[in-house]
């Protein structure tokens, strides 16, 4: 292996380690969001509010898509991921 190959391999390993750290952060953020959703579900129940709030969900998705565009991320990907998380959060709240 040449010095350039070794350098490229080292760069690849470092980038993969960084992605691993980001993945761990994403998992923690998703878990945190679901804990918050569970608490919101408890409050909704005590207030007699329905779990489903389409207007609120749409606003969350619009805001996230706008944030994705600002950060140079694919807004459709962000929408798809958040819809999945929201769907799971609804189940947590029920």
N, C-alpha and C. Protein backbone atom coordinates (compact mmCIF):
# COMPACT_ATOMS: atom_id res chain seq x y z
N UNK A 1 0.85 -1.18 0.00
CA UNK A 1 0.00 0.00 0.00
C UNK A 1 0.90 1.24 0.00
N UNK A 2 0.57 2.20 -0.85
CA UNK A 2 1.36 3.42 -0.94
C UNK A 2 1.02 4.35 0.22
N UNK A 3 1.87 5.36 0.38
CA UNK A 3 1.61 6.37 1.42
C UNK A 3 0.27 7.06 1.17
N UNK A 4 -0.05 7.34 -0.09
CA UNK A 4 -1.34 7.97 -0.43
C UNK A 4 -2.50 7.05 -0.06
N UNK A 5 -2.35 5.76 -0.32
CA UNK A 5 -3.39 4.79 0.05
C UNK A 5 -3.57 4.74 1.56
N UNK A 6 -2.47 4.74 2.29
CA UNK A 6 -2.54 4.71 3.76
C UNK A 6 -3.22 5.97 4.29
N UNK A 7 -2.91 7.10 3.68
CA UNK A 7 -3.51 8.37 4.09
C UNK A 7 -5.01 8.36 3.81
N UNK A 8 -5.37 7.87 2.62
CA UNK A 8 -6.79 7.79 2.26
C UNK A 8 -7.52 6.84 3.20
N UNK A 9 -6.91 5.70 3.54
CA UNK A 9 -7.52 4.74 4.46
C UNK A 9 -7.71 5.36 5.84
N UNK A 10 -6.72 6.12 6.28
CA UNK A 10 -6.81 6.80 7.57
C UNK A 10 -7.95 7.83 7.56
N UNK A 11 -8.06 8.58 6.46
CA UNK A 11 -9.14 9.55 6.32
C UNK A 11 -10.51 8.85 6.34
N UNK A 12 -10.59 7.73 5.63
CA UNK A 12 -11.83 6.96 5.57
C UNK A 12 -12.22 6.48 6.97
N UNK A 13 -11.27 5.94 7.71
CA UNK A 13 -11.54 5.46 9.06
C UNK A 13 -11.99 6.60 9.97
N UNK A 14 -11.36 7.75 9.85
CA UNK A 14 -11.73 8.91 10.68
C UNK A 14 -13.14 9.38 10.35
N UNK A 15 -13.48 9.43 9.08
CA UNK A 15 -14.82 9.86 8.67
C UNK A 15 -15.87 8.86 9.13
N UNK A 16 -15.56 7.58 9.05
CA UNK A 16 -16.50 6.55 9.52
C UNK A 16 -16.71 6.66 11.03
N UNK A 17 -15.65 6.97 11.76
CA UNK A 17 -15.78 7.15 13.21
C UNK A 17 -16.65 8.36 13.52
N UNK A 18 -16.49 9.41 12.73
CA UNK A 18 -17.32 10.61 12.93
C UNK A 18 -18.79 10.31 12.63
N UNK A 19 -19.06 9.54 11.58
CA UNK A 19 -20.43 9.14 11.27
C UNK A 19 -21.00 8.29 12.42
N UNK A 20 -20.18 7.42 12.98
CA UNK A 20 -20.63 6.63 14.12
C UNK A 20 -21.04 7.51 15.29
N UNK A 21 -20.28 8.57 15.54
CA UNK A 21 -20.61 9.51 16.61
C UNK A 21 -21.92 10.24 16.31
N UNK A 22 -22.11 10.64 15.06
CA UNK A 22 -23.35 11.31 14.66
C UNK A 22 -24.53 10.35 14.83
N UNK A 23 -24.34 9.09 14.43
CA UNK A 23 -25.42 8.09 14.58
C UNK A 23 -25.81 7.94 16.04
N UNK A 24 -24.83 7.91 16.94
CA UNK A 24 -25.14 7.80 18.37
C UNK A 24 -25.92 9.02 18.84
N UNK A 25 -25.54 10.20 18.36
CA UNK A 25 -26.28 11.42 18.70
C UNK A 25 -27.72 11.35 18.19
N UNK A 26 -27.90 10.89 16.95
CA UNK A 26 -29.25 10.76 16.39
C UNK A 26 -30.11 9.83 17.22
N UNK A 27 -29.55 8.71 17.63
CA UNK A 27 -30.31 7.75 18.45
C UNK A 27 -30.71 8.41 19.77
N UNK A 28 -29.78 9.12 20.39
CA UNK A 28 -30.10 9.79 21.66
C UNK A 28 -31.18 10.85 21.45
N UNK A 29 -31.09 11.61 20.37
CA UNK A 29 -32.10 12.64 20.10
C UNK A 29 -33.47 12.03 19.84
N UNK A 30 -33.51 10.93 19.11
CA UNK A 30 -34.79 10.27 18.85
C UNK A 30 -35.38 9.75 20.16
N UNK A 31 -34.55 9.13 20.98
CA UNK A 31 -35.04 8.63 22.27
C UNK A 31 -35.54 9.79 23.13
N UNK A 32 -34.83 10.88 23.14
CA UNK A 32 -35.25 12.07 23.91
C UNK A 32 -36.58 12.60 23.39
N UNK A 33 -36.72 12.67 22.07
CA UNK A 33 -37.96 13.17 21.48
C UNK A 33 -39.14 12.28 21.86
N UNK A 34 -38.93 10.97 21.85
CA UNK A 34 -40.02 10.05 22.19
C UNK A 34 -40.38 10.14 23.67
N UNK A 35 -39.39 10.39 24.53
CA UNK A 35 -39.70 10.60 25.95
C UNK A 35 -40.55 11.86 26.12
N UNK A 36 -40.21 12.91 25.39
CA UNK A 36 -41.00 14.15 25.44
C UNK A 36 -42.41 13.91 24.91
N UNK A 37 -42.51 13.13 23.82
CA UNK A 37 -43.83 12.83 23.25
C UNK A 37 -44.68 12.06 24.25
N UNK A 38 -44.06 11.14 24.99
CA UNK A 38 -44.81 10.39 26.00
C UNK A 38 -45.36 11.33 27.07
N UNK A 39 -44.54 12.26 27.49
CA UNK A 39 -45.00 13.24 28.50
C UNK A 39 -46.12 14.10 27.94
N UNK A 40 -46.00 14.52 26.69
CA UNK A 40 -47.06 15.29 26.04
C UNK A 40 -48.34 14.47 25.98
N UNK A 41 -48.21 13.18 25.68
CA UNK A 41 -49.38 12.31 25.66
C UNK A 41 -50.09 12.28 27.01
N UNK A 42 -49.31 12.22 28.08
CA UNK A 42 -49.91 12.24 29.42
C UNK A 42 -50.66 13.54 29.66
N UNK A 43 -50.06 14.66 29.25
CA UNK A 43 -50.71 15.96 29.45
C UNK A 43 -51.96 16.09 28.58
N UNK A 44 -51.89 15.61 27.34
CA UNK A 44 -53.07 15.63 26.48
C UNK A 44 -54.21 14.84 27.11
N UNK A 45 -53.88 13.67 27.65
CA UNK A 45 -54.91 12.84 28.28
C UNK A 45 -55.52 13.56 29.47
N UNK A 46 -54.70 14.20 30.28
CA UNK A 46 -55.23 14.89 31.46
C UNK A 46 -56.08 16.10 31.08
N UNK A 47 -55.80 16.67 29.91
CA UNK A 47 -56.57 17.81 29.42
C UNK A 47 -57.74 17.41 28.54
N UNK A 48 -57.87 16.12 28.28
CA UNK A 48 -58.94 15.64 27.42
C UNK A 48 -58.73 15.97 25.95
N UNK A 49 -57.48 16.13 25.56
CA UNK A 49 -57.17 16.46 24.16
C UNK A 49 -56.87 15.20 23.36
N UNK A 50 -57.17 15.21 22.07
CA UNK A 50 -56.88 14.03 21.24
C UNK A 50 -55.37 13.92 20.98
N UNK A 51 -54.92 12.70 20.76
CA UNK A 51 -53.52 12.47 20.40
C UNK A 51 -53.22 13.11 19.06
N UNK A 52 -54.09 12.88 18.10
CA UNK A 52 -53.87 13.38 16.74
C UNK A 52 -54.12 14.89 16.68
N UNK A 53 -53.12 15.61 16.18
CA UNK A 53 -53.21 17.06 15.99
C UNK A 53 -52.59 17.39 14.63
N UNK A 54 -53.38 17.20 13.55
CA UNK A 54 -52.84 17.36 12.19
C UNK A 54 -52.21 18.73 11.93
N UNK A 55 -52.81 19.79 12.44
CA UNK A 55 -52.24 21.13 12.20
C UNK A 55 -50.87 21.26 12.84
N UNK A 56 -50.73 20.76 14.06
CA UNK A 56 -49.44 20.81 14.76
C UNK A 56 -48.41 19.96 14.03
N UNK A 57 -48.80 18.77 13.62
CA UNK A 57 -47.87 17.89 12.91
C UNK A 57 -47.40 18.53 11.61
N UNK A 58 -48.32 19.14 10.87
CA UNK A 58 -47.95 19.79 9.61
C UNK A 58 -46.98 20.94 9.85
N UNK A 59 -47.20 21.69 10.93
CA UNK A 59 -46.29 22.80 11.26
C UNK A 59 -44.90 22.27 11.60
N UNK A 60 -44.83 21.19 12.35
CA UNK A 60 -43.54 20.59 12.69
C UNK A 60 -42.80 20.19 11.41
N UNK A 61 -43.51 19.57 10.49
CA UNK A 61 -42.90 19.12 9.24
C UNK A 61 -42.45 20.32 8.40
N UNK A 62 -43.30 21.35 8.29
CA UNK A 62 -42.91 22.55 7.52
C UNK A 62 -41.66 23.19 8.10
N UNK A 63 -41.63 23.33 9.41
CA UNK A 63 -40.48 23.95 10.07
C UNK A 63 -39.21 23.12 9.85
N UNK A 64 -39.32 21.81 9.96
CA UNK A 64 -38.16 20.94 9.75
C UNK A 64 -37.67 21.00 8.31
N UNK A 65 -38.60 21.01 7.35
CA UNK A 65 -38.20 21.09 5.94
C UNK A 65 -37.49 22.41 5.66
N UNK A 66 -37.99 23.49 6.24
CA UNK A 66 -37.34 24.80 6.06
C UNK A 66 -35.94 24.77 6.67
N UNK A 67 -35.81 24.18 7.84
CA UNK A 67 -34.50 24.06 8.47
C UNK A 67 -33.55 23.22 7.64
N UNK A 68 -34.08 22.17 7.03
CA UNK A 68 -33.26 21.31 6.17
C UNK A 68 -32.73 22.11 4.99
N UNK A 69 -33.61 22.90 4.37
CA UNK A 69 -33.17 23.71 3.23
C UNK A 69 -32.08 24.69 3.66
N UNK A 70 -32.23 25.31 4.82
CA UNK A 70 -31.23 26.27 5.32
C UNK A 70 -29.88 25.60 5.54
N UNK A 71 -29.90 24.34 5.96
CA UNK A 71 -28.67 23.61 6.26
C UNK A 71 -28.11 22.85 5.06
N UNK A 72 -28.82 22.91 3.93
CA UNK A 72 -28.35 22.20 2.75
C UNK A 72 -28.66 20.72 2.76
N UNK A 73 -29.63 20.32 3.60
CA UNK A 73 -30.05 18.92 3.64
C UNK A 73 -31.28 18.75 2.75
N UNK A 74 -31.54 17.53 2.38
CA UNK A 74 -32.67 17.21 1.52
C UNK A 74 -33.97 17.32 2.34
N UNK A 75 -34.82 18.31 2.03
CA UNK A 75 -36.05 18.48 2.79
C UNK A 75 -36.99 17.28 2.71
N UNK A 76 -36.99 16.57 1.58
CA UNK A 76 -37.86 15.39 1.44
C UNK A 76 -37.39 14.28 2.37
N UNK A 77 -36.09 14.11 2.50
CA UNK A 77 -35.57 13.12 3.43
C UNK A 77 -35.96 13.48 4.86
N UNK A 78 -35.80 14.74 5.21
CA UNK A 78 -36.15 15.19 6.56
C UNK A 78 -37.64 14.99 6.82
N UNK A 79 -38.47 15.34 5.84
CA UNK A 79 -39.92 15.12 5.98
C UNK A 79 -40.22 13.64 6.24
N UNK A 80 -39.63 12.77 5.43
CA UNK A 80 -39.89 11.34 5.54
C UNK A 80 -39.47 10.81 6.91
N UNK A 81 -38.30 11.21 7.37
CA UNK A 81 -37.82 10.75 8.67
C UNK A 81 -38.73 11.27 9.78
N UNK A 82 -39.09 12.54 9.72
CA UNK A 82 -39.93 13.11 10.78
C UNK A 82 -41.33 12.51 10.78
N UNK A 83 -41.89 12.22 9.61
CA UNK A 83 -43.21 11.58 9.60
C UNK A 83 -43.13 10.22 10.31
N UNK A 84 -42.04 9.49 10.09
CA UNK A 84 -41.87 8.21 10.77
C UNK A 84 -41.78 8.40 12.28
N UNK A 85 -41.04 9.40 12.71
CA UNK A 85 -40.90 9.67 14.14
C UNK A 85 -42.23 10.12 14.72
N UNK A 86 -42.94 10.99 14.01
CA UNK A 86 -44.24 11.46 14.49
C UNK A 86 -45.23 10.29 14.59
N UNK A 87 -45.21 9.41 13.60
CA UNK A 87 -46.09 8.24 13.64
C UNK A 87 -45.80 7.40 14.89
N UNK A 88 -44.54 7.20 15.18
CA UNK A 88 -44.18 6.43 16.36
C UNK A 88 -44.56 7.19 17.64
N UNK A 89 -44.38 8.50 17.64
CA UNK A 89 -44.73 9.31 18.80
C UNK A 89 -46.22 9.21 19.09
N UNK A 90 -47.03 9.19 18.04
CA UNK A 90 -48.49 9.03 18.24
C UNK A 90 -48.78 7.73 18.98
N UNK A 91 -48.11 6.66 18.56
CA UNK A 91 -48.32 5.36 19.22
C UNK A 91 -47.86 5.40 20.68
N UNK A 92 -46.78 6.13 20.95
CA UNK A 92 -46.29 6.27 22.32
C UNK A 92 -47.32 7.03 23.16
N UNK A 93 -48.00 7.99 22.55
CA UNK A 93 -48.96 8.81 23.27
C UNK A 93 -50.28 8.09 23.54
N UNK A 94 -50.56 7.04 22.80
CA UNK A 94 -51.87 6.36 22.95
C UNK A 94 -51.91 5.41 24.12
